[in-house]
Amino acid sequence: MKTDLHPKFFAETNATCACGATFIVGSTKEKIEVEICSQCHPFYTGTDKVLDTAGRVERFKTRAAAASKVGKSAKVNKLNKEENKQKSAKKDK
């Protein structure tokens, strides 16, 4: 086997974000600089903006809500059919 195949691992590497936040992480690099982190990313901070063109997001939400209603009613109908089958089977006995 080859010796010294893997790079040196630094257990306490400073990762610095462009926003100024610093984190201590493990890495094969001594110093890491990133552009965005969990403290400044819009998804994690709740400041994300949805760019909606032609009401697509609203249409999706209404279709998803309608589909969930249909799915629930279909399950209820299926359960009712099974119960009716069981009742008719008991009557036949």
N, C-alpha and C. Protein backbone atom coordinates (compact mmCIF):
# COMPACT_ATOMS: atom_id res chain seq x y z
N MET A 1 0.82 -1.19 0.00
CA MET A 1 0.00 0.00 0.00
C MET A 1 0.86 1.24 0.00
N LYS A 2 0.32 2.30 -0.57
CA LYS A 2 1.04 3.56 -0.59
C LYS A 2 0.95 4.24 0.78
N THR A 3 2.02 4.85 1.18
CA THR A 3 2.01 5.60 2.42
C THR A 3 1.78 7.08 2.10
N ASP A 4 1.27 7.80 3.07
CA ASP A 4 0.98 9.24 2.94
C ASP A 4 0.06 9.52 1.75
N LEU A 5 -0.96 8.71 1.59
CA LEU A 5 -1.90 8.86 0.48
C LEU A 5 -2.94 9.96 0.77
N HIS A 6 -3.39 10.04 2.01
CA HIS A 6 -4.44 11.00 2.37
C HIS A 6 -3.86 12.33 2.80
N PRO A 7 -4.58 13.43 2.52
CA PRO A 7 -4.09 14.74 2.96
C PRO A 7 -4.19 14.90 4.46
N LYS A 8 -3.47 15.87 4.99
CA LYS A 8 -3.48 16.15 6.43
C LYS A 8 -4.83 16.72 6.82
N PHE A 9 -5.41 16.27 7.93
CA PHE A 9 -6.72 16.72 8.40
C PHE A 9 -6.52 17.70 9.55
N PHE A 10 -7.18 18.86 9.44
CA PHE A 10 -7.14 19.87 10.48
C PHE A 10 -8.47 19.82 11.22
N ALA A 11 -8.44 19.46 12.49
CA ALA A 11 -9.67 19.30 13.25
C ALA A 11 -10.32 20.63 13.60
N GLU A 12 -9.54 21.67 13.73
CA GLU A 12 -10.07 22.99 14.10
C GLU A 12 -9.72 24.01 13.03
N THR A 13 -10.47 23.99 11.93
CA THR A 13 -10.28 24.93 10.84
C THR A 13 -11.29 26.06 10.99
N ASN A 14 -10.84 27.29 10.82
CA ASN A 14 -11.73 28.44 10.88
C ASN A 14 -12.35 28.65 9.51
N ALA A 15 -13.68 28.61 9.46
CA ALA A 15 -14.41 28.92 8.25
C ALA A 15 -15.02 30.30 8.44
N THR A 16 -14.69 31.24 7.55
CA THR A 16 -15.16 32.61 7.66
C THR A 16 -16.09 32.92 6.50
N CYS A 17 -17.24 33.49 6.83
CA CYS A 17 -18.23 33.86 5.80
C CYS A 17 -18.03 35.33 5.43
N ALA A 18 -18.56 35.72 4.29
CA ALA A 18 -18.50 37.10 3.84
C ALA A 18 -19.28 38.02 4.77
N CYS A 19 -20.27 37.49 5.47
CA CYS A 19 -21.07 38.30 6.41
C CYS A 19 -20.34 38.55 7.71
N GLY A 20 -19.24 37.84 7.95
CA GLY A 20 -18.46 38.03 9.16
C GLY A 20 -18.58 36.90 10.15
N ALA A 21 -19.45 35.98 9.93
CA ALA A 21 -19.62 34.85 10.84
C ALA A 21 -18.44 33.89 10.69
N THR A 22 -18.02 33.32 11.82
CA THR A 22 -16.94 32.34 11.78
C THR A 22 -17.41 31.06 12.44
N PHE A 23 -16.95 29.95 11.89
CA PHE A 23 -17.28 28.63 12.41
C PHE A 23 -16.01 27.83 12.53
N ILE A 24 -15.97 26.93 13.48
CA ILE A 24 -14.84 26.00 13.60
C ILE A 24 -15.32 24.66 13.08
N VAL A 25 -14.65 24.16 12.04
CA VAL A 25 -15.03 22.92 11.40
C VAL A 25 -13.79 22.07 11.18
N GLY A 26 -13.98 20.84 10.79
CA GLY A 26 -12.88 19.97 10.43
C GLY A 26 -12.71 19.97 8.93
N SER A 27 -11.48 20.06 8.45
CA SER A 27 -11.25 20.13 7.00
C SER A 27 -9.82 19.73 6.67
N THR A 28 -9.58 19.56 5.39
CA THR A 28 -8.22 19.29 4.93
C THR A 28 -7.50 20.58 4.57
N LYS A 29 -8.19 21.71 4.71
CA LYS A 29 -7.56 23.02 4.47
C LYS A 29 -7.41 23.73 5.81
N GLU A 30 -6.40 24.56 5.93
CA GLU A 30 -6.15 25.26 7.19
C GLU A 30 -7.14 26.41 7.40
N LYS A 31 -7.58 27.05 6.31
CA LYS A 31 -8.46 28.20 6.41
C LYS A 31 -9.48 28.13 5.27
N ILE A 32 -10.77 28.40 5.59
CA ILE A 32 -11.81 28.35 4.58
C ILE A 32 -12.55 29.68 4.58
N GLU A 33 -12.78 30.24 3.39
CA GLU A 33 -13.57 31.45 3.24
C GLU A 33 -14.74 31.13 2.33
N VAL A 34 -15.97 31.40 2.82
CA VAL A 34 -17.17 31.12 2.03
C VAL A 34 -17.93 32.41 1.79
N GLU A 35 -18.80 32.39 0.77
CA GLU A 35 -19.56 33.58 0.42
C GLU A 35 -20.88 33.67 1.18
N ILE A 36 -21.44 32.52 1.54
CA ILE A 36 -22.74 32.51 2.19
C ILE A 36 -22.78 31.36 3.21
N CYS A 37 -23.45 31.61 4.34
CA CYS A 37 -23.52 30.61 5.40
C CYS A 37 -24.95 30.51 5.91
N SER A 38 -25.17 29.71 6.93
CA SER A 38 -26.52 29.52 7.47
C SER A 38 -27.03 30.76 8.19
N GLN A 39 -26.15 31.66 8.59
CA GLN A 39 -26.59 32.88 9.29
C GLN A 39 -26.99 33.99 8.32
N CYS A 40 -26.58 33.90 7.06
CA CYS A 40 -26.94 34.96 6.12
C CYS A 40 -27.70 34.43 4.89
N HIS A 41 -27.89 33.11 4.77
CA HIS A 41 -28.61 32.56 3.63
C HIS A 41 -30.09 32.89 3.76
N PRO A 42 -30.74 33.37 2.69
CA PRO A 42 -32.15 33.77 2.78
C PRO A 42 -33.08 32.63 3.20
N PHE A 43 -32.80 31.42 2.82
CA PHE A 43 -33.67 30.30 3.19
C PHE A 43 -33.69 30.10 4.70
N TYR A 44 -32.53 30.17 5.32
CA TYR A 44 -32.44 29.92 6.75
C TYR A 44 -32.85 31.13 7.59
N THR A 45 -32.70 32.33 7.05
CA THR A 45 -33.05 33.53 7.81
C THR A 45 -34.51 33.90 7.63
N GLY A 46 -35.20 33.30 6.66
CA GLY A 46 -36.61 33.59 6.44
C GLY A 46 -36.86 34.82 5.59
N THR A 47 -35.84 35.32 4.94
CA THR A 47 -36.00 36.51 4.10
C THR A 47 -36.01 36.16 2.62
N ASP A 48 -36.27 34.89 2.30
CA ASP A 48 -36.27 34.51 0.90
C ASP A 48 -37.49 35.10 0.20
N LYS A 49 -37.31 35.44 -1.06
CA LYS A 49 -38.38 36.04 -1.85
C LYS A 49 -38.71 35.09 -2.99
N VAL A 50 -40.00 34.88 -3.19
CA VAL A 50 -40.43 34.02 -4.28
C VAL A 50 -40.77 34.93 -5.46
N LEU A 51 -40.10 34.73 -6.56
CA LEU A 51 -40.36 35.50 -7.76
C LEU A 51 -41.48 34.81 -8.51
N ASP A 52 -42.67 35.38 -8.42
CA ASP A 52 -43.85 34.76 -9.00
C ASP A 52 -44.23 35.46 -10.29
N THR A 53 -44.20 34.73 -11.37
CA THR A 53 -44.62 35.29 -12.65
C THR A 53 -45.90 34.61 -13.06
N ALA A 54 -46.89 35.39 -13.33
CA ALA A 54 -48.20 34.93 -13.81
C ALA A 54 -48.93 34.07 -12.79
N GLY A 55 -48.69 34.30 -11.50
CA GLY A 55 -49.44 33.60 -10.46
C GLY A 55 -49.18 32.12 -10.40
N ARG A 56 -48.01 31.66 -10.77
CA ARG A 56 -47.72 30.23 -10.80
C ARG A 56 -47.70 29.61 -9.41
N VAL A 57 -47.19 30.35 -8.43
CA VAL A 57 -47.12 29.81 -7.08
C VAL A 57 -48.54 29.62 -6.53
N GLU A 58 -49.39 30.61 -6.75
CA GLU A 58 -50.78 30.50 -6.27
C GLU A 58 -51.50 29.35 -6.96
N ARG A 59 -51.29 29.20 -8.26
CA ARG A 59 -51.93 28.10 -8.98
C ARG A 59 -51.47 26.76 -8.44
N PHE A 60 -50.17 26.65 -8.14
CA PHE A 60 -49.64 25.41 -7.59
C PHE A 60 -50.28 25.12 -6.23
N LYS A 61 -50.36 26.14 -5.39
CA LYS A 61 -50.94 25.94 -4.06
C LYS A 61 -52.39 25.51 -4.14
N THR A 62 -53.16 26.11 -5.05
CA THR A 62 -54.57 25.73 -5.17
C THR A 62 -54.71 24.31 -5.71
N ARG A 63 -53.86 23.94 -6.67
CA ARG A 63 -53.91 22.57 -7.20
C ARG A 63 -53.49 21.57 -6.14
N ALA A 64 -52.49 21.90 -5.34
CA ALA A 64 -52.04 20.99 -4.29
C ALA A 64 -53.13 20.82 -3.23
N ALA A 65 -53.81 21.90 -2.88
CA ALA A 65 -54.89 21.81 -1.90
C ALA A 65 -56.04 20.97 -2.45
N ALA A 66 -56.37 21.16 -3.72
CA ALA A 66 -57.45 20.38 -4.32
C ALA A 66 -57.08 18.91 -4.39
N ALA A 67 -55.84 18.63 -4.70
CA ALA A 67 -55.39 17.23 -4.79
C ALA A 67 -55.44 16.56 -3.43
N SER A 68 -55.10 17.28 -2.39
CA SER A 68 -55.14 16.67 -1.06
C SER A 68 -56.58 16.40 -0.64
N LYS A 69 -57.52 17.28 -1.03
CA LYS A 69 -58.92 17.04 -0.71
C LYS A 69 -59.44 15.82 -1.46
N VAL A 70 -59.06 15.70 -2.73
CA VAL A 70 -59.48 14.55 -3.54
C VAL A 70 -58.89 13.27 -2.97
N GLY A 71 -57.64 13.33 -2.57
CA GLY A 71 -56.99 12.15 -1.99
C GLY A 71 -57.67 11.69 -0.73
N LYS A 72 -58.08 12.63 0.12
CA LYS A 72 -58.75 12.27 1.36
C LYS A 72 -60.12 11.67 1.08
N SER A 73 -60.86 12.28 0.15
CA SER A 73 -62.20 11.76 -0.14
C SER A 73 -62.11 10.40 -0.82
N ALA A 74 -61.09 10.17 -1.62
CA ALA A 74 -60.91 8.87 -2.26
C ALA A 74 -60.64 7.79 -1.21
N LYS A 75 -59.87 8.13 -0.19
CA LYS A 75 -59.60 7.17 0.88
C LYS A 75 -60.87 6.85 1.64
N VAL A 76 -61.67 7.87 1.91
CA VAL A 76 -62.93 7.66 2.63
C VAL A 76 -63.85 6.77 1.81
N ASN A 77 -63.95 7.03 0.49
CA ASN A 77 -64.79 6.21 -0.38
C ASN A 77 -64.32 4.76 -0.40
N LYS A 78 -63.02 4.57 -0.42
CA LYS A 78 -62.47 3.22 -0.44
C LYS A 78 -62.82 2.48 0.85
N LEU A 79 -62.70 3.18 1.98
CA LEU A 79 -63.03 2.56 3.27
C LEU A 79 -64.52 2.23 3.33
N ASN A 80 -65.35 3.12 2.82
CA ASN A 80 -66.79 2.87 2.81
C ASN A 80 -67.14 1.65 1.96
N LYS A 81 -66.48 1.50 0.82
CA LYS A 81 -66.72 0.35 -0.05
C LYS A 81 -66.33 -0.95 0.66
N GLU A 82 -65.19 -0.92 1.37
CA GLU A 82 -64.74 -2.11 2.08
C GLU A 82 -65.71 -2.47 3.20
N GLU A 83 -66.21 -1.46 3.91
CA GLU A 83 -67.16 -1.71 4.98
C GLU A 83 -68.46 -2.30 4.41
N ASN A 84 -68.92 -1.78 3.28
CA ASN A 84 -70.14 -2.29 2.65
C ASN A 84 -69.97 -3.74 2.21
N LYS A 85 -68.77 -4.07 1.69
CA LYS A 85 -68.49 -5.45 1.29
C LYS A 85 -68.55 -6.38 2.50
N GLN A 86 -67.97 -5.93 3.61
CA GLN A 86 -67.96 -6.75 4.82
C GLN A 86 -69.37 -6.93 5.37
N LYS A 87 -70.17 -5.89 5.31
CA LYS A 87 -71.55 -5.98 5.78
C LYS A 87 -72.36 -6.93 4.92
N SER A 88 -72.17 -6.83 3.61
CA SER A 88 -72.94 -7.72 2.72
C SER A 88 -72.48 -9.16 2.87
N ALA A 89 -71.21 -9.38 3.16
CA ALA A 89 -70.70 -10.73 3.37
C ALA A 89 -71.31 -11.32 4.65
N LYS A 90 -71.48 -10.51 5.68
CA LYS A 90 -72.08 -10.98 6.93
C LYS A 90 -73.56 -11.31 6.72
N LYS A 91 -74.25 -10.50 5.90
CA LYS A 91 -75.66 -10.76 5.63
C LYS A 91 -75.86 -12.06 4.85
N ASP A 92 -74.93 -12.37 3.93
CA ASP A 92 -75.02 -13.57 3.12
C ASP A 92 -74.82 -14.82 3.95
N LYS A 93 -74.17 -14.72 5.07
CA LYS A 93 -73.88 -15.90 5.90
C LYS A 93 -75.08 -16.28 6.62
